[in-house]
Structure formats: C-alpha cells, structure tokens
C-alpha cells in the first residue's frame, strides 16, 4: 500500500488543484488550518496534530466517526486507543479490515468535546474534497455525529435509534449508501439502554457482513 509522506509538498498550494489523493492527504495534514476553533487547541497544546485517517486510502469502504480524541491528536492517527479496538473487531467481523477510517473533523478539542455545527461546516471543506477524490462506494457511520455529518438534511429529523434499528443504509448527501451503527465509545458508558444498542448494532453488522 502506498504511504503518505508528510511535508513532501508545501501547505501553500491550492488544495482544490491537487488531483492526487495522496498528495491531498499530505497537504491537509501538513497545513496550518485555522478554519475553526479547534485550531486554537491544536496550536496551544504541544504535540497536537491534524489527524485525518487510519487504514487504507484506496479502500472503497469508509468509517466516519465523531472527531479525533486528544490522544489521537498526539498520535496523529484516529481510533488509536479505547473504542478503536472495538471498532477493529467490528471491521474484522464484516471483512473490512482495510477500511479508510476518518472523522468529519480532523482536529481534537479540549476534553474530547463533540464537534459543533460550525466546526463540522468548516471542516467539510476538507472532508467533502476527500470524498470527491477518494470516491468511496459505501460508508459506516458511527453515532449521531458520524451519521448526521453525511446524511441529507431532510433525514436529520430521524433519531439515531430508529436509523440503526432499520438495519438498512441511508442515502448520504454524496449519493452513496451509509450504514449507521452506534459509536463504539457508547458501549463503554454504562448507560441503561446499552444492551438494546448492542443488539441493534449487531444486526447492522450482520447485514453488512452478508452485503459487502
């Protein structure tokens, strides 16, 4: 698998003109983006980096979560700790260990806070560009943030529980199917409805395994 080398192109280049997806990933990762408030956390906390993906950029199957955690920002790779282990078990189960794992925002926030609508909109400049270059054929969306970041606006009125329970793909705003499950981190919170969420997510994973 081809590797991305950081800093092999300058961050001053016009991203919209970069056709090669590997060079685009490099340009975003090595930039000094200031499009949202997460940049302040990145620039004032030593070691924090723009954190785009884990896995295979050439995969046609994407996983879209919430945002990098603070620990991920130090590692430079999302899903490096905690719930990432559970996610990898899911991917092995459905036969997609080489998936492209990303988030709708690429920087961590203080206290691992979920991205605001303003932050999602700001980072969609990059996220949407990557979708257009890398051309995934299907997505697995994790939790409310992952699902709503790629869903069509008319579908936002639905609840996460109902979308997961349907065990059928949504039509994303990119025109490709998106399967919705609970975020792996949900299963470490000890909430009363965790068993129901587990059953719903398991059903979706079983359908994915039979479908992909």
Protein backbone atom coordinates (compact mmCIF):
# COMPACT_ATOMS: atom_id res chain seq x y z
CA UNK A 1 0.00 0.00 0.00
CA UNK A 2 1.32 3.41 -0.93
CA UNK A 3 2.37 5.57 2.02
CA UNK A 4 1.78 9.28 2.53
CA UNK A 5 4.95 11.24 3.30
CA UNK A 6 4.33 14.38 5.33
CA UNK A 7 5.76 17.69 4.15
CA UNK A 8 6.59 16.47 0.63
CA UNK A 9 4.57 19.35 -0.74
CA UNK A 10 4.01 22.84 0.61
CA UNK A 11 0.88 23.77 2.54
CA UNK A 12 0.53 26.95 0.47
CA UNK A 13 -0.62 25.06 -2.61
CA UNK A 14 -4.23 25.44 -3.71
CA UNK A 15 -5.87 22.29 -2.36
CA UNK A 16 -8.58 22.41 -4.97
CA UNK A 17 -5.99 21.90 -7.70
CA UNK A 18 -4.45 18.77 -6.16
CA UNK A 19 -5.84 15.77 -8.01
CA UNK A 20 -3.64 13.06 -6.50
CA UNK A 21 -5.45 11.91 -3.32
CA UNK A 22 -2.21 11.03 -1.51
CA UNK A 23 -0.80 14.48 -2.11
CA UNK A 24 -4.10 15.97 -0.98
CA UNK A 25 -3.97 14.00 2.28
CA UNK A 26 -0.41 15.19 2.80
CA UNK A 27 -1.28 18.80 2.07
CA UNK A 28 -4.15 18.84 4.56
CA UNK A 29 -2.15 17.05 7.26
CA UNK A 30 0.81 19.43 6.92
CA UNK A 31 -1.23 22.62 6.67
CA UNK A 32 -1.79 25.19 9.41
CA UNK A 33 -5.57 25.23 9.05
CA UNK A 34 -7.34 27.93 11.07
CA UNK A 35 -10.88 27.40 9.80
CA UNK A 36 -12.42 26.69 13.23
CA UNK A 37 -11.75 27.00 16.96
CA UNK A 38 -10.20 23.54 17.14
CA UNK A 39 -7.10 25.05 15.58
CA UNK A 40 -6.56 27.03 18.78
CA UNK A 41 -6.46 23.83 20.83
CA UNK A 42 -4.09 22.25 18.32
CA UNK A 43 -1.74 25.22 18.28
CA UNK A 44 -1.65 25.79 22.04
CA UNK A 45 -1.19 22.14 23.08
CA UNK A 46 2.22 20.73 22.30
CA UNK A 47 2.19 17.69 20.05
CA UNK A 48 -1.38 18.03 18.76
CA UNK A 49 -1.64 17.46 15.01
CA UNK A 50 -4.19 17.48 12.22
CA UNK A 51 -5.37 13.89 12.34
CA UNK A 52 -7.10 12.65 9.21
CA UNK A 53 -7.21 8.89 8.90
CA UNK A 54 -6.24 5.36 9.77
CA UNK A 55 -6.24 2.49 7.31
CA UNK A 56 -6.21 2.32 3.54
CA UNK A 57 -6.90 5.45 1.43
CA UNK A 58 -7.55 3.15 -1.53
CA UNK A 59 -10.39 1.32 0.20
CA UNK A 60 -13.89 1.86 -1.18
CA UNK A 61 -15.36 1.43 2.33
CA UNK A 62 -15.20 4.33 4.80
CA UNK A 63 -15.85 4.55 8.52
CA UNK A 64 -16.98 8.02 9.62
CA UNK A 65 -16.98 8.77 13.34
CA UNK A 66 -17.10 11.86 15.55
CA UNK A 67 -13.68 13.51 15.90
CA UNK A 68 -10.13 12.65 16.90
CA UNK A 69 -9.58 12.39 20.62
CA UNK A 70 -6.81 14.28 22.37
CA UNK A 71 -4.73 11.07 22.49
CA UNK A 72 -5.37 10.56 18.75
CA UNK A 73 -4.16 14.09 18.07
CA UNK A 74 -0.85 13.27 19.73
CA UNK A 75 -0.58 10.01 17.80
CA UNK A 76 -1.54 11.63 14.50
CA UNK A 77 -3.99 8.82 13.76
CA UNK A 78 -7.66 8.44 14.79
CA UNK A 79 -9.09 5.38 16.53
CA UNK A 80 -5.71 4.66 18.12
CA UNK A 81 -6.99 3.97 21.61
CA UNK A 82 -10.01 2.82 23.63
CA UNK A 83 -13.05 2.30 21.42
CA UNK A 84 -10.79 1.89 18.39
CA UNK A 85 -10.12 -1.70 19.48
CA UNK A 86 -13.84 -2.50 19.44
CA UNK A 87 -14.20 -0.84 16.04
CA UNK A 88 -11.43 -3.01 14.61
CA UNK A 89 -13.26 -6.12 15.88
CA UNK A 90 -16.36 -4.96 14.00
CA UNK A 91 -14.34 -4.43 10.82
CA UNK A 92 -12.78 -7.87 11.06
CA UNK A 93 -16.25 -9.34 11.51
CA UNK A 94 -17.61 -7.73 8.34
CA UNK A 95 -14.41 -8.41 6.39
CA UNK A 96 -13.32 -4.78 6.01
CA UNK A 97 -10.10 -4.56 7.99
CA UNK A 98 -8.59 -2.40 5.23
CA UNK A 99 -11.28 0.28 5.52
CA UNK A 100 -10.49 4.01 5.43
CA UNK A 101 -11.24 5.30 8.95
CA UNK A 102 -11.82 9.01 9.34
CA UNK A 103 -13.93 11.68 11.04
CA UNK A 104 -15.90 14.70 9.81
CA UNK A 105 -13.42 16.96 11.64
CA UNK A 106 -9.65 16.42 11.74
CA UNK A 107 -8.56 18.10 14.99
CA UNK A 108 -9.14 17.19 18.62
CA UNK A 109 -10.88 19.54 21.01
CA UNK A 110 -10.34 20.22 24.67
CA UNK A 111 -11.87 17.45 26.80
CA UNK A 112 -12.63 15.46 23.63
CA UNK A 113 -15.79 17.51 23.05
CA UNK A 114 -18.05 16.63 20.11
CA UNK A 115 -17.76 18.98 17.13
CA UNK A 116 -20.15 21.90 16.89
CA UNK A 117 -22.16 22.60 13.76
CA UNK A 118 -19.79 25.45 12.94
CA UNK A 119 -16.79 23.13 13.24
CA UNK A 120 -18.44 20.46 11.10
CA UNK A 121 -19.23 23.03 8.44
CA UNK A 122 -15.68 24.42 8.49
CA UNK A 123 -14.02 21.00 8.15
CA UNK A 124 -16.48 19.84 5.49
CA UNK A 125 -14.31 21.90 3.13
CA UNK A 126 -11.68 19.15 3.52
CA UNK A 127 -13.91 16.17 4.20
CA UNK A 128 -16.04 16.68 1.09
CA UNK A 129 -12.92 17.20 -1.00
CA UNK A 130 -11.55 13.85 0.15
CA UNK A 131 -14.83 12.10 -0.68
CA UNK A 132 -14.69 13.52 -4.20
CA UNK A 133 -11.06 12.40 -4.69
CA UNK A 134 -11.08 9.01 -2.96
CA UNK A 135 -14.57 8.02 -4.18
CA UNK A 136 -15.82 5.58 -1.51
CA UNK A 137 -18.67 3.30 -2.52
CA UNK A 138 -20.13 2.83 0.96
CA UNK A 139 -19.76 4.20 4.49
CA UNK A 140 -20.34 3.00 8.03
CA UNK A 141 -21.38 5.96 10.16
CA UNK A 142 -20.69 5.90 13.90
CA UNK A 143 -23.21 7.55 16.19
CA UNK A 144 -25.12 10.78 15.85
CA UNK A 145 -22.20 12.91 14.67
CA UNK A 146 -20.93 10.48 12.04
CA UNK A 147 -24.41 9.88 10.67
CA UNK A 148 -25.59 13.49 10.59
CA UNK A 149 -22.31 14.69 9.05
CA UNK A 150 -23.01 12.68 5.89
CA UNK A 151 -26.82 12.49 5.91
CA UNK A 152 -29.09 14.55 3.72
CA UNK A 153 -30.64 17.49 5.55
CA UNK A 154 -34.15 16.08 5.15
CA UNK A 155 -33.13 12.99 7.14
CA UNK A 156 -31.88 14.87 10.19
CA UNK A 157 -35.29 14.73 11.86
CA UNK A 158 -34.93 10.98 12.37
CA UNK A 159 -33.48 9.59 15.59
CA UNK A 160 -30.27 7.60 15.76
CA UNK A 161 -32.08 4.72 17.45
CA UNK A 162 -34.62 4.46 14.63
CA UNK A 163 -32.00 4.69 11.88
CA UNK A 164 -29.85 1.96 13.45
CA UNK A 165 -32.89 -0.23 14.13
CA UNK A 166 -33.85 -0.14 10.45
CA UNK A 167 -30.63 -2.02 9.61
CA UNK A 168 -30.79 -0.57 6.10
CA UNK A 169 -28.47 2.02 4.53
CA UNK A 170 -29.32 5.69 4.41
CA UNK A 171 -28.73 7.65 1.23
CA UNK A 172 -25.96 10.08 2.08
CA UNK A 173 -25.62 13.57 0.65
CA UNK A 174 -22.83 12.15 -1.52
CA UNK A 175 -25.20 9.74 -3.26
CA UNK A 176 -23.62 6.64 -1.74
CA UNK A 177 -25.12 4.29 0.89
CA UNK A 178 -24.28 4.81 4.55
CA UNK A 179 -24.85 2.17 7.22
CA UNK A 180 -25.45 3.58 10.69
CA UNK A 181 -24.39 1.99 13.99
CA UNK A 182 -23.83 3.29 17.49
CA UNK A 183 -20.39 4.73 18.14
CA UNK A 184 -18.11 2.15 19.81
CA UNK A 185 -17.50 4.60 22.66
CA UNK A 186 -21.19 4.35 23.57
CA UNK A 187 -20.66 0.82 24.84
CA UNK A 188 -18.18 1.97 27.47
CA UNK A 189 -20.54 4.49 29.10
CA UNK A 190 -22.66 2.03 31.08
CA UNK A 191 -25.96 3.60 30.03
CA UNK A 192 -29.20 1.66 30.77
CA UNK A 193 -30.02 1.08 27.07
CA UNK A 194 -26.60 -0.33 26.14
CA UNK A 195 -27.96 -3.85 25.62
CA UNK A 196 -30.58 -2.61 23.17
CA UNK A 197 -27.95 -0.56 21.32
CA UNK A 198 -25.68 -3.60 21.16
CA UNK A 199 -28.46 -5.74 19.67
CA UNK A 200 -29.27 -3.11 17.04
CA UNK A 201 -25.63 -2.59 16.11
CA UNK A 202 -25.02 -6.34 15.90
CA UNK A 203 -27.92 -6.66 13.48
CA UNK A 204 -26.47 -3.95 11.21
CA UNK A 205 -23.04 -5.60 11.30
CA UNK A 206 -24.55 -8.94 10.37
CA UNK A 207 -26.34 -7.35 7.41
CA UNK A 208 -23.13 -5.62 6.37
CA UNK A 209 -21.21 -8.88 6.53
CA UNK A 210 -23.75 -10.50 4.22
CA UNK A 211 -23.96 -7.50 1.89
CA UNK A 212 -20.40 -6.28 1.30
